[in-house]
Protein backbone atom coordinates (compact mmCIF):
# COMPACT_ATOMS: atom_id res chain seq x y z
CA MET A 1 12.02 11.15 6.11
CA THR A 2 9.77 8.17 6.00
CA PRO A 3 11.06 5.33 4.13
CA SER A 4 9.34 4.50 0.84
CA ALA A 5 9.25 2.07 -2.05
CA GLU A 6 8.58 2.59 -5.68
CA THR A 7 6.84 0.18 -7.93
CA HIS A 8 6.99 0.55 -11.73
CA PHE A 9 4.73 -0.89 -14.44
CA HIS A 10 2.83 -0.01 -17.64
CA VAL A 11 -0.87 0.49 -17.83
CA ARG A 12 -2.56 -2.58 -19.51
CA TYR A 13 -5.22 -2.01 -21.98
CA ALA A 14 -7.65 -3.92 -19.82
CA GLU A 15 -7.31 -1.30 -17.14
CA THR A 16 -8.76 1.38 -19.27
CA ASP A 17 -12.41 2.30 -19.71
CA GLN A 18 -14.58 3.40 -22.63
CA MET A 19 -13.04 6.78 -22.55
CA GLY A 20 -9.58 5.38 -23.04
CA VAL A 21 -8.50 6.32 -19.49
CA VAL A 22 -7.56 4.16 -16.55
CA TYR A 23 -10.84 3.00 -14.74
CA TYR A 24 -10.88 4.68 -11.29
CA ALA A 25 -11.01 1.29 -9.21
CA ASN A 26 -7.68 0.22 -10.70
CA TYR A 27 -5.91 2.87 -8.58
CA LEU A 28 -6.87 0.85 -5.58
CA VAL A 29 -5.51 -2.28 -7.17
CA TRP A 30 -2.22 -0.25 -7.88
CA MET A 31 -2.05 0.69 -4.12
CA GLU A 32 -2.26 -2.95 -3.30
CA VAL A 33 0.46 -3.82 -5.66
CA GLY A 34 2.56 -0.96 -4.14
CA ARG A 35 1.81 -2.13 -0.54
CA VAL A 36 2.95 -5.71 -1.33
CA GLU A 37 6.20 -4.38 -3.07
CA PHE A 38 6.86 -2.16 -0.15
CA CYS A 39 6.85 -5.02 2.22
CA LYS A 40 9.22 -7.02 -0.09
CA SER A 41 11.51 -3.97 -0.23
CA PHE A 42 11.84 -4.04 3.52
CA GLY A 43 12.66 -7.63 3.70
CA PHE A 44 9.64 -9.75 4.11
CA ASN A 45 6.92 -11.22 2.10
CA TYR A 46 3.29 -10.28 3.08
CA ARG A 47 2.24 -13.82 2.27
CA ASP A 48 4.67 -15.16 4.89
CA MET A 49 3.16 -12.98 7.51
CA GLU A 50 -0.17 -14.32 6.70
CA GLN A 51 0.86 -18.00 6.47
CA GLU A 52 3.50 -18.25 9.22
CA ASP A 53 2.34 -15.71 11.70
CA GLY A 54 -1.47 -15.80 11.08
CA ILE A 55 -1.64 -12.02 10.76
CA LEU A 56 -3.74 -10.38 8.19
CA MET A 57 -4.02 -6.60 7.29
CA ALA A 58 -7.72 -6.10 6.77
CA VAL A 59 -8.55 -2.88 4.96
CA VAL A 60 -10.90 -0.75 7.10
CA GLU A 61 -10.67 2.55 5.04
CA ALA A 62 -9.56 3.50 1.51
CA ASN A 63 -9.18 6.91 -0.06
CA CYS A 64 -7.98 8.06 -3.48
CA ARG A 65 -7.79 11.55 -4.81
CA TYR A 66 -7.71 11.57 -8.75
CA LEU A 67 -5.77 14.51 -10.26
CA SER A 68 -4.88 13.52 -13.90
CA PRO A 69 -5.80 10.62 -16.13
CA ALA A 70 -3.53 7.79 -17.08
CA ARG A 71 -3.91 6.03 -20.49
CA PHE A 72 -2.91 2.71 -22.02
CA ASP A 73 0.82 1.90 -21.99
CA ASP A 74 1.63 4.86 -19.77
CA HIS A 75 4.76 4.08 -17.61
CA ILE A 76 3.47 4.63 -13.93
CA VAL A 77 5.30 4.64 -10.70
CA VAL A 78 3.55 4.05 -7.39
CA GLU A 79 5.41 5.37 -4.26
CA THR A 80 4.33 3.79 -1.07
CA ARG A 81 5.24 4.66 2.43
CA ILE A 82 3.83 4.02 5.99
CA GLU A 83 2.06 7.11 7.19
CA GLN A 84 1.22 5.70 10.67
CA ALA A 85 1.54 2.50 12.41
CA THR A 86 0.81 1.02 15.93
CA SER A 87 0.84 -2.58 17.02
CA ARG A 88 -2.80 -2.89 16.00
CA THR A 89 -3.29 -0.62 12.82
CA VAL A 90 -1.27 0.64 9.97
CA THR A 91 -1.82 3.39 7.36
CA PHE A 92 -0.10 3.28 3.96
CA ALA A 93 0.14 6.53 1.79
CA TYR A 94 0.56 6.21 -1.94
CA GLU A 95 1.33 8.61 -4.64
CA MET A 96 0.91 7.56 -8.40
CA ARG A 97 2.88 9.53 -11.14
CA LEU A 98 3.77 9.22 -14.79
CA VAL A 99 7.41 8.31 -14.96
CA ALA A 100 8.08 10.21 -18.10
CA SER A 101 6.96 13.74 -16.82
CA GLY A 102 6.56 13.13 -13.07
CA ARG A 103 2.94 14.43 -13.42
CA LYS A 104 0.94 13.22 -10.32
CA LEU A 105 -2.00 11.16 -11.24
CA ALA A 106 -3.54 10.41 -7.84
CA SER A 107 -2.72 10.11 -4.13
CA GLY A 108 -4.39 8.16 -1.48
CA HIS A 109 -4.12 5.98 1.63
CA THR A 110 -5.46 2.68 3.02
CA ARG A 111 -5.93 2.04 6.83
CA HIS A 112 -5.55 -1.63 7.96
CA MET A 113 -6.53 -3.35 11.04
CA LEU A 114 -4.41 -6.20 12.07
CA VAL A 115 -6.38 -9.49 12.50
CA ASP A 116 -5.86 -13.10 13.13
CA ARG A 117 -7.15 -15.98 11.03
CA GLN A 118 -10.55 -15.69 12.75
CA PHE A 119 -10.62 -11.95 11.91
CA ARG A 120 -10.31 -11.05 15.50
CA ARG A 121 -8.35 -7.77 16.20
CA THR A 122 -4.72 -8.68 17.19
CA ARG A 123 -1.37 -7.18 17.67
CA LEU A 124 1.52 -7.15 15.12
CA PRO A 125 4.36 -9.40 16.29
CA GLU A 126 7.40 -7.47 17.54
CA LYS A 127 9.61 -8.85 14.69
CA TYR A 128 7.81 -6.55 12.44
CA PHE A 129 8.09 -3.36 14.45
CA VAL A 130 11.11 -2.04 12.80
CA MET A 131 9.69 -2.56 9.38
CA PHE A 132 6.60 -0.54 10.26
CA GLY A 133 8.36 2.02 12.16
CA ILE A 134 7.01 1.18 15.62
CA ASP A 135 9.18 1.77 18.57
CA ALA A 136 9.60 -1.52 20.42
CA LYS A 137 10.56 0.21 23.61
CA SER A 138 7.35 2.27 23.80
CA LYS A 139 5.26 -0.68 22.70
CA THR A 140 2.92 1.75 20.94
CA MET A 141 -0.56 0.33 21.27
CA ASP A 142 -3.72 1.24 19.48
């Protein structure tokens, strides 16, 4: 089974729209929160990867399938996992649910290209291979 991390929070009033439900774009923000927390749960801070290694994960694709609305103050969990990774790209998968009932709210994925500070395509340093599930022996390349 692919390792995953869970991020919990409550829906803020500012995240809802005129209909009283969470505005659709906020699910993409929740995916980002889940992604950053996923990295922390596996022992590294994404900010450090940017600052120390000069590696950025540029979003090249984002997808979200909306299944059920969330409302103000709902307790939400975002489950994040790596769906696929190579030394040049990584795809994260997300599932957002209500904690109380387990009802699935949305699912989605984001695909990222690894770039340097000049936004040129680059490779992930080997020290991150284990965290991203890349076999260092095969040196999986994109």
